[in-house]
Amino acid sequence: DNHITALPPSLERLTDLTELTITNLQIAQLPFVLGSITGLTNLRLSPTRSMTNPPYEIVMQGTEVLLRYMRKAYLCVRSNGYFNVSNMSLENLPEEILQLGNMKHMQARNNHIMFLSPSI
């Protein structure tokens, strides 16, 4: 059994990484730095409802949507401060978006968000 509960931010140094499998781990959230690995095209997860970031509904839409979400989050953190999660079938916004310290503008149109967490 594996007791890994978090992935290190240093993951962004794996610039040649193209495939990552994260299964049977107790990880609650993926680090936004995964979005910096532009060559990453195959990300396999064993999602659970306890995973808070990315949101469960993003993970269930598959690798392409998952990587798009992570890349948008990473760009927000590292450069432009704009986080666009429109048309991603989100039911809620993860509290982890509060970690996007550089965020100046967020767009979340055409989702299924019914309410926001009081912490947001």
N, C-alpha and C. Protein backbone atom coordinates (compact mmCIF):
# COMPACT_ATOMS: atom_id res chain seq x y z
N ASP A 1 0.83 -1.19 0.00
CA ASP A 1 0.00 0.00 0.00
C ASP A 1 0.87 1.25 0.00
N ASN A 2 0.35 2.30 -0.64
CA ASN A 2 1.09 3.53 -0.78
C ASN A 2 0.44 4.60 0.08
N HIS A 3 1.21 5.39 0.79
CA HIS A 3 0.67 6.39 1.69
C HIS A 3 1.00 7.81 1.23
N ILE A 4 1.21 8.01 -0.05
CA ILE A 4 1.50 9.33 -0.58
C ILE A 4 0.22 10.15 -0.54
N THR A 5 0.29 11.35 0.05
CA THR A 5 -0.89 12.21 0.18
C THR A 5 -0.78 13.51 -0.59
N ALA A 6 0.39 13.80 -1.15
CA ALA A 6 0.58 15.04 -1.90
C ALA A 6 1.69 14.86 -2.92
N LEU A 7 1.59 15.62 -3.98
CA LEU A 7 2.65 15.65 -5.00
C LEU A 7 3.43 16.96 -4.81
N PRO A 8 4.74 16.92 -4.93
CA PRO A 8 5.54 18.13 -4.67
C PRO A 8 5.45 19.13 -5.82
N PRO A 9 5.53 20.43 -5.49
CA PRO A 9 5.55 21.46 -6.54
C PRO A 9 6.74 21.31 -7.48
N SER A 10 7.79 20.63 -7.03
CA SER A 10 8.97 20.45 -7.88
C SER A 10 8.66 19.61 -9.12
N LEU A 11 7.47 19.08 -9.20
CA LEU A 11 7.03 18.33 -10.38
C LEU A 11 7.20 19.14 -11.66
N GLU A 12 7.10 20.45 -11.54
CA GLU A 12 7.20 21.30 -12.73
C GLU A 12 8.57 21.21 -13.40
N ARG A 13 9.56 20.68 -12.70
CA ARG A 13 10.89 20.52 -13.30
C ARG A 13 10.96 19.34 -14.25
N LEU A 14 9.93 18.51 -14.27
CA LEU A 14 9.91 17.34 -15.16
C LEU A 14 9.37 17.77 -16.53
N THR A 15 10.11 18.61 -17.20
CA THR A 15 9.64 19.24 -18.42
C THR A 15 9.44 18.27 -19.58
N ASP A 16 10.08 17.12 -19.55
CA ASP A 16 9.93 16.14 -20.64
C ASP A 16 8.87 15.09 -20.34
N LEU A 17 8.19 15.22 -19.22
CA LEU A 17 7.17 14.25 -18.83
C LEU A 17 6.00 14.28 -19.81
N THR A 18 5.62 13.14 -20.34
CA THR A 18 4.49 13.07 -21.27
C THR A 18 3.33 12.25 -20.70
N GLU A 19 3.62 11.41 -19.74
CA GLU A 19 2.58 10.53 -19.19
C GLU A 19 2.75 10.42 -17.68
N LEU A 20 1.64 10.53 -16.96
CA LEU A 20 1.68 10.43 -15.51
C LEU A 20 0.48 9.62 -15.04
N THR A 21 0.74 8.60 -14.25
CA THR A 21 -0.32 7.77 -13.68
C THR A 21 -0.34 7.96 -12.18
N ILE A 22 -1.48 8.38 -11.67
CA ILE A 22 -1.65 8.60 -10.23
C ILE A 22 -2.85 7.77 -9.80
N THR A 23 -2.57 6.56 -9.34
CA THR A 23 -3.65 5.68 -8.92
C THR A 23 -3.36 5.11 -7.54
N ASN A 24 -4.42 4.77 -6.86
CA ASN A 24 -4.33 4.16 -5.53
C ASN A 24 -3.53 5.00 -4.54
N LEU A 25 -3.66 6.30 -4.65
CA LEU A 25 -3.01 7.22 -3.72
C LEU A 25 -4.07 7.99 -2.95
N GLN A 26 -3.69 8.56 -1.86
CA GLN A 26 -4.62 9.33 -1.02
C GLN A 26 -4.45 10.83 -1.25
N ILE A 27 -4.39 11.24 -2.50
CA ILE A 27 -4.14 12.64 -2.83
C ILE A 27 -5.46 13.40 -2.91
N ALA A 28 -5.54 14.50 -2.17
CA ALA A 28 -6.75 15.32 -2.16
C ALA A 28 -6.75 16.38 -3.25
N GLN A 29 -5.56 16.79 -3.65
CA GLN A 29 -5.47 17.81 -4.70
C GLN A 29 -4.19 17.66 -5.50
N LEU A 30 -4.29 18.01 -6.75
CA LEU A 30 -3.12 18.03 -7.62
C LEU A 30 -2.53 19.43 -7.60
N PRO A 31 -1.22 19.56 -7.59
CA PRO A 31 -0.62 20.89 -7.59
C PRO A 31 -0.84 21.57 -8.94
N PHE A 32 -1.12 22.88 -8.88
CA PHE A 32 -1.35 23.64 -10.11
C PHE A 32 -0.16 23.59 -11.05
N VAL A 33 1.04 23.31 -10.53
CA VAL A 33 2.23 23.28 -11.38
C VAL A 33 2.17 22.19 -12.44
N LEU A 34 1.26 21.23 -12.29
CA LEU A 34 1.10 20.22 -13.35
C LEU A 34 0.76 20.91 -14.67
N GLY A 35 0.11 22.05 -14.59
CA GLY A 35 -0.25 22.80 -15.80
C GLY A 35 0.94 23.37 -16.53
N SER A 36 2.10 23.39 -15.89
CA SER A 36 3.30 23.93 -16.54
C SER A 36 4.00 22.90 -17.42
N ILE A 37 3.64 21.65 -17.29
CA ILE A 37 4.30 20.59 -18.05
C ILE A 37 3.58 20.46 -19.39
N THR A 38 4.01 21.23 -20.35
CA THR A 38 3.29 21.34 -21.62
C THR A 38 3.31 20.06 -22.44
N GLY A 39 4.30 19.21 -22.24
CA GLY A 39 4.36 17.96 -22.98
C GLY A 39 3.48 16.87 -22.40
N LEU A 40 2.92 17.10 -21.22
CA LEU A 40 2.08 16.11 -20.57
C LEU A 40 0.78 15.96 -21.36
N THR A 41 0.58 14.78 -21.92
CA THR A 41 -0.62 14.53 -22.73
C THR A 41 -1.48 13.42 -22.18
N ASN A 42 -0.93 12.64 -21.28
CA ASN A 42 -1.68 11.52 -20.74
C ASN A 42 -1.56 11.54 -19.21
N LEU A 43 -2.66 11.87 -18.57
CA LEU A 43 -2.71 11.92 -17.11
C LEU A 43 -3.82 11.00 -16.64
N ARG A 44 -3.43 9.91 -16.00
CA ARG A 44 -4.42 8.94 -15.53
C ARG A 44 -4.55 9.04 -14.02
N LEU A 45 -5.78 9.18 -13.57
CA LEU A 45 -6.08 9.27 -12.15
C LEU A 45 -7.09 8.22 -11.76
N SER A 46 -7.09 7.88 -10.49
CA SER A 46 -8.21 7.11 -9.96
C SER A 46 -8.95 8.08 -9.04
N PRO A 47 -9.92 8.82 -9.61
CA PRO A 47 -10.56 9.90 -8.87
C PRO A 47 -11.45 9.39 -7.74
N THR A 48 -11.55 10.21 -6.72
CA THR A 48 -12.47 9.95 -5.62
C THR A 48 -13.21 11.25 -5.33
N ARG A 49 -14.33 11.13 -4.69
CA ARG A 49 -15.10 12.33 -4.32
C ARG A 49 -14.34 13.17 -3.29
N SER A 50 -13.37 12.56 -2.62
CA SER A 50 -12.60 13.32 -1.62
C SER A 50 -11.55 14.21 -2.27
N MET A 51 -11.30 14.04 -3.56
CA MET A 51 -10.35 14.91 -4.26
C MET A 51 -11.03 16.27 -4.44
N THR A 52 -10.36 17.31 -3.98
CA THR A 52 -10.96 18.64 -4.03
C THR A 52 -10.46 19.49 -5.20
N ASN A 53 -9.27 19.23 -5.65
CA ASN A 53 -8.76 19.98 -6.79
C ASN A 53 -7.87 19.09 -7.64
N PRO A 54 -8.16 18.95 -8.90
CA PRO A 54 -9.28 19.56 -9.60
C PRO A 54 -10.61 18.97 -9.15
N PRO A 55 -11.69 19.69 -9.40
CA PRO A 55 -13.00 19.17 -9.01
C PRO A 55 -13.29 17.82 -9.68
N TYR A 56 -14.03 17.01 -8.98
CA TYR A 56 -14.39 15.67 -9.45
C TYR A 56 -14.97 15.70 -10.86
N GLU A 57 -15.85 16.66 -11.14
CA GLU A 57 -16.48 16.71 -12.46
C GLU A 57 -15.49 17.03 -13.57
N ILE A 58 -14.40 17.72 -13.25
CA ILE A 58 -13.34 17.96 -14.23
C ILE A 58 -12.60 16.66 -14.50
N VAL A 59 -12.23 15.95 -13.47
CA VAL A 59 -11.51 14.68 -13.62
C VAL A 59 -12.33 13.69 -14.45
N MET A 60 -13.63 13.64 -14.21
CA MET A 60 -14.48 12.68 -14.89
C MET A 60 -14.67 12.99 -16.38
N GLN A 61 -14.31 14.19 -16.81
CA GLN A 61 -14.43 14.55 -18.22
C GLN A 61 -13.22 14.09 -19.04
N GLY A 62 -12.22 13.57 -18.38
CA GLY A 62 -11.09 13.01 -19.11
C GLY A 62 -9.85 13.88 -19.11
N THR A 63 -8.80 13.30 -19.67
CA THR A 63 -7.47 13.92 -19.65
C THR A 63 -7.45 15.29 -20.30
N GLU A 64 -8.07 15.44 -21.44
CA GLU A 64 -7.99 16.72 -22.16
C GLU A 64 -8.56 17.87 -21.33
N VAL A 65 -9.74 17.67 -20.77
CA VAL A 65 -10.37 18.72 -19.96
C VAL A 65 -9.58 18.94 -18.67
N LEU A 66 -9.13 17.88 -18.06
CA LEU A 66 -8.34 17.97 -16.82
C LEU A 66 -7.07 18.78 -17.05
N LEU A 67 -6.34 18.47 -18.10
CA LEU A 67 -5.11 19.21 -18.38
C LEU A 67 -5.39 20.65 -18.76
N ARG A 68 -6.48 20.90 -19.46
CA ARG A 68 -6.86 22.28 -19.81
C ARG A 68 -7.13 23.09 -18.53
N TYR A 69 -7.84 22.50 -17.60
CA TYR A 69 -8.12 23.15 -16.32
C TYR A 69 -6.82 23.47 -15.57
N MET A 70 -5.93 22.47 -15.47
CA MET A 70 -4.69 22.67 -14.74
C MET A 70 -3.81 23.73 -15.42
N ARG A 71 -3.80 23.76 -16.75
CA ARG A 71 -2.98 24.75 -17.47
C ARG A 71 -3.53 26.15 -17.27
N LYS A 72 -4.86 26.29 -17.27
CA LYS A 72 -5.45 27.60 -17.03
C LYS A 72 -5.13 28.08 -15.62
N ALA A 73 -5.20 27.19 -14.66
CA ALA A 73 -4.88 27.55 -13.27
C ALA A 73 -3.41 27.96 -13.15
N TYR A 74 -2.54 27.21 -13.78
CA TYR A 74 -1.11 27.52 -13.71
C TYR A 74 -0.82 28.88 -14.35
N LEU A 75 -1.40 29.14 -15.51
CA LEU A 75 -1.18 30.43 -16.18
C LEU A 75 -1.66 31.58 -15.31
N CYS A 76 -2.77 31.37 -14.64
CA CYS A 76 -3.29 32.40 -13.75
C CYS A 76 -2.28 32.71 -12.65
N VAL A 77 -1.71 31.67 -12.07
CA VAL A 77 -0.75 31.84 -10.98
C VAL A 77 0.52 32.51 -11.47
N ARG A 78 1.04 32.06 -12.59
CA ARG A 78 2.37 32.48 -13.03
C ARG A 78 2.40 33.73 -13.90
N SER A 79 1.26 34.10 -14.49
CA SER A 79 1.41 35.23 -15.40
C SER A 79 0.25 36.20 -15.37
N ASN A 80 -0.83 35.89 -16.05
CA ASN A 80 -1.80 36.92 -16.38
C ASN A 80 -2.87 37.21 -15.33
N GLY A 81 -3.05 36.38 -14.33
CA GLY A 81 -4.06 36.64 -13.31
C GLY A 81 -5.49 36.38 -13.77
N TYR A 82 -5.66 35.80 -14.95
CA TYR A 82 -6.99 35.53 -15.52
C TYR A 82 -7.25 34.03 -15.47
N PHE A 83 -8.36 33.64 -14.85
CA PHE A 83 -8.70 32.22 -14.71
C PHE A 83 -10.07 32.01 -15.33
N ASN A 84 -10.10 31.37 -16.48
CA ASN A 84 -11.35 31.14 -17.20
C ASN A 84 -11.72 29.66 -17.12
N VAL A 85 -12.77 29.37 -16.38
CA VAL A 85 -13.26 28.00 -16.25
C VAL A 85 -14.66 27.89 -16.85
N SER A 86 -14.95 28.70 -17.84
CA SER A 86 -16.25 28.65 -18.51
C SER A 86 -16.41 27.34 -19.27
N ASN A 87 -17.63 26.87 -19.35
CA ASN A 87 -17.98 25.68 -20.14
C ASN A 87 -17.23 24.43 -19.70
N MET A 88 -17.03 24.25 -18.40
CA MET A 88 -16.30 23.08 -17.92
C MET A 88 -17.18 22.15 -17.08
N SER A 89 -18.48 22.38 -17.08
CA SER A 89 -19.44 21.54 -16.35
C SER A 89 -19.18 21.49 -14.85
N LEU A 90 -18.68 22.59 -14.31
CA LEU A 90 -18.40 22.63 -12.88
C LEU A 90 -19.69 22.73 -12.07
N GLU A 91 -19.73 22.00 -10.97
CA GLU A 91 -20.84 22.09 -10.04
C GLU A 91 -20.49 22.99 -8.86
N ASN A 92 -19.21 23.16 -8.62
CA ASN A 92 -18.75 24.06 -7.57
C ASN A 92 -17.34 24.53 -7.92
N LEU A 93 -16.91 25.53 -7.20
CA LEU A 93 -15.53 26.00 -7.36
C LEU A 93 -14.73 25.49 -6.17
N PRO A 94 -13.63 24.85 -6.43
CA PRO A 94 -12.84 24.31 -5.31
C PRO A 94 -12.24 25.44 -4.48
N GLU A 95 -12.20 25.26 -3.18
CA GLU A 95 -11.61 26.26 -2.30
C GLU A 95 -10.14 26.49 -2.65
N GLU A 96 -9.52 25.53 -3.30
CA GLU A 96 -8.11 25.66 -3.67
C GLU A 96 -7.87 26.81 -4.64
N ILE A 97 -8.92 27.32 -5.30
CA ILE A 97 -8.68 28.47 -6.18
C ILE A 97 -8.22 29.68 -5.38
N LEU A 98 -8.45 29.65 -4.08
CA LEU A 98 -7.94 30.74 -3.23
C LEU A 98 -6.42 30.75 -3.22
N GLN A 99 -5.80 29.64 -3.60
CA GLN A 99 -4.34 29.56 -3.68
C GLN A 99 -3.81 30.26 -4.92
N LEU A 100 -4.71 30.65 -5.81
CA LEU A 100 -4.29 31.36 -7.02
C LEU A 100 -4.09 32.82 -6.64
N GLY A 101 -3.04 33.08 -5.92
CA GLY A 101 -2.79 34.40 -5.36
C GLY A 101 -2.71 35.53 -6.38
N ASN A 102 -2.39 35.22 -7.60
CA ASN A 102 -2.25 36.23 -8.64
C ASN A 102 -3.57 36.52 -9.35
N MET A 103 -4.65 35.81 -9.00
CA MET A 103 -5.91 35.94 -9.73
C MET A 103 -6.50 37.33 -9.57
N LYS A 104 -6.75 37.96 -10.71
CA LYS A 104 -7.37 39.27 -10.74
C LYS A 104 -8.76 39.21 -11.36
N HIS A 105 -8.97 38.21 -12.20
CA HIS A 105 -10.25 38.08 -12.89
C HIS A 105 -10.55 36.59 -13.09
N MET A 106 -11.78 36.23 -12.80
CA MET A 106 -12.19 34.84 -13.01
C MET A 106 -13.50 34.84 -13.79
N GLN A 107 -13.56 33.97 -14.77
CA GLN A 107 -14.78 33.82 -15.56
C GLN A 107 -15.23 32.36 -15.44
N ALA A 108 -16.51 32.17 -15.10
CA ALA A 108 -17.04 30.82 -14.89
C ALA A 108 -18.42 30.69 -15.52
N ARG A 109 -18.56 31.12 -16.73
CA ARG A 109 -19.85 31.06 -17.44
C ARG A 109 -20.20 29.64 -17.85
N ASN A 110 -21.50 29.42 -18.00
CA ASN A 110 -22.03 28.17 -18.55
C ASN A 110 -21.54 26.93 -17.79
N ASN A 111 -21.67 26.97 -16.49
CA ASN A 111 -21.38 25.83 -15.64
C ASN A 111 -22.66 25.48 -14.88
N HIS A 112 -22.56 24.59 -13.94
CA HIS A 112 -23.72 24.17 -13.15
C HIS A 112 -23.55 24.55 -11.68
N ILE A 113 -22.91 25.66 -11.43
CA ILE A 113 -22.62 26.11 -10.07
C ILE A 113 -23.90 26.65 -9.44
N MET A 114 -24.27 26.05 -8.32
CA MET A 114 -25.50 26.45 -7.63
C MET A 114 -25.21 27.40 -6.46
N PHE A 115 -24.07 27.22 -5.82
CA PHE A 115 -23.70 28.08 -4.70
C PHE A 115 -22.19 28.08 -4.54
N LEU A 116 -21.70 29.06 -3.83
CA LEU A 116 -20.27 29.16 -3.55
C LEU A 116 -20.02 28.86 -2.09
N SER A 117 -18.92 28.26 -1.82
CA SER A 117 -18.50 28.01 -0.45
C SER A 117 -18.32 29.34 0.26
N PRO A 118 -18.69 29.44 1.52
CA PRO A 118 -18.51 30.70 2.26
C PRO A 118 -17.05 31.16 2.31
N SER A 119 -16.12 30.26 2.16
CA SER A 119 -14.71 30.65 2.22
C SER A 119 -14.22 31.32 0.95
N ILE A 120 -15.02 31.28 -0.11
CA ILE A 120 -14.59 31.90 -1.38
C ILE A 120 -15.03 33.34 -1.44
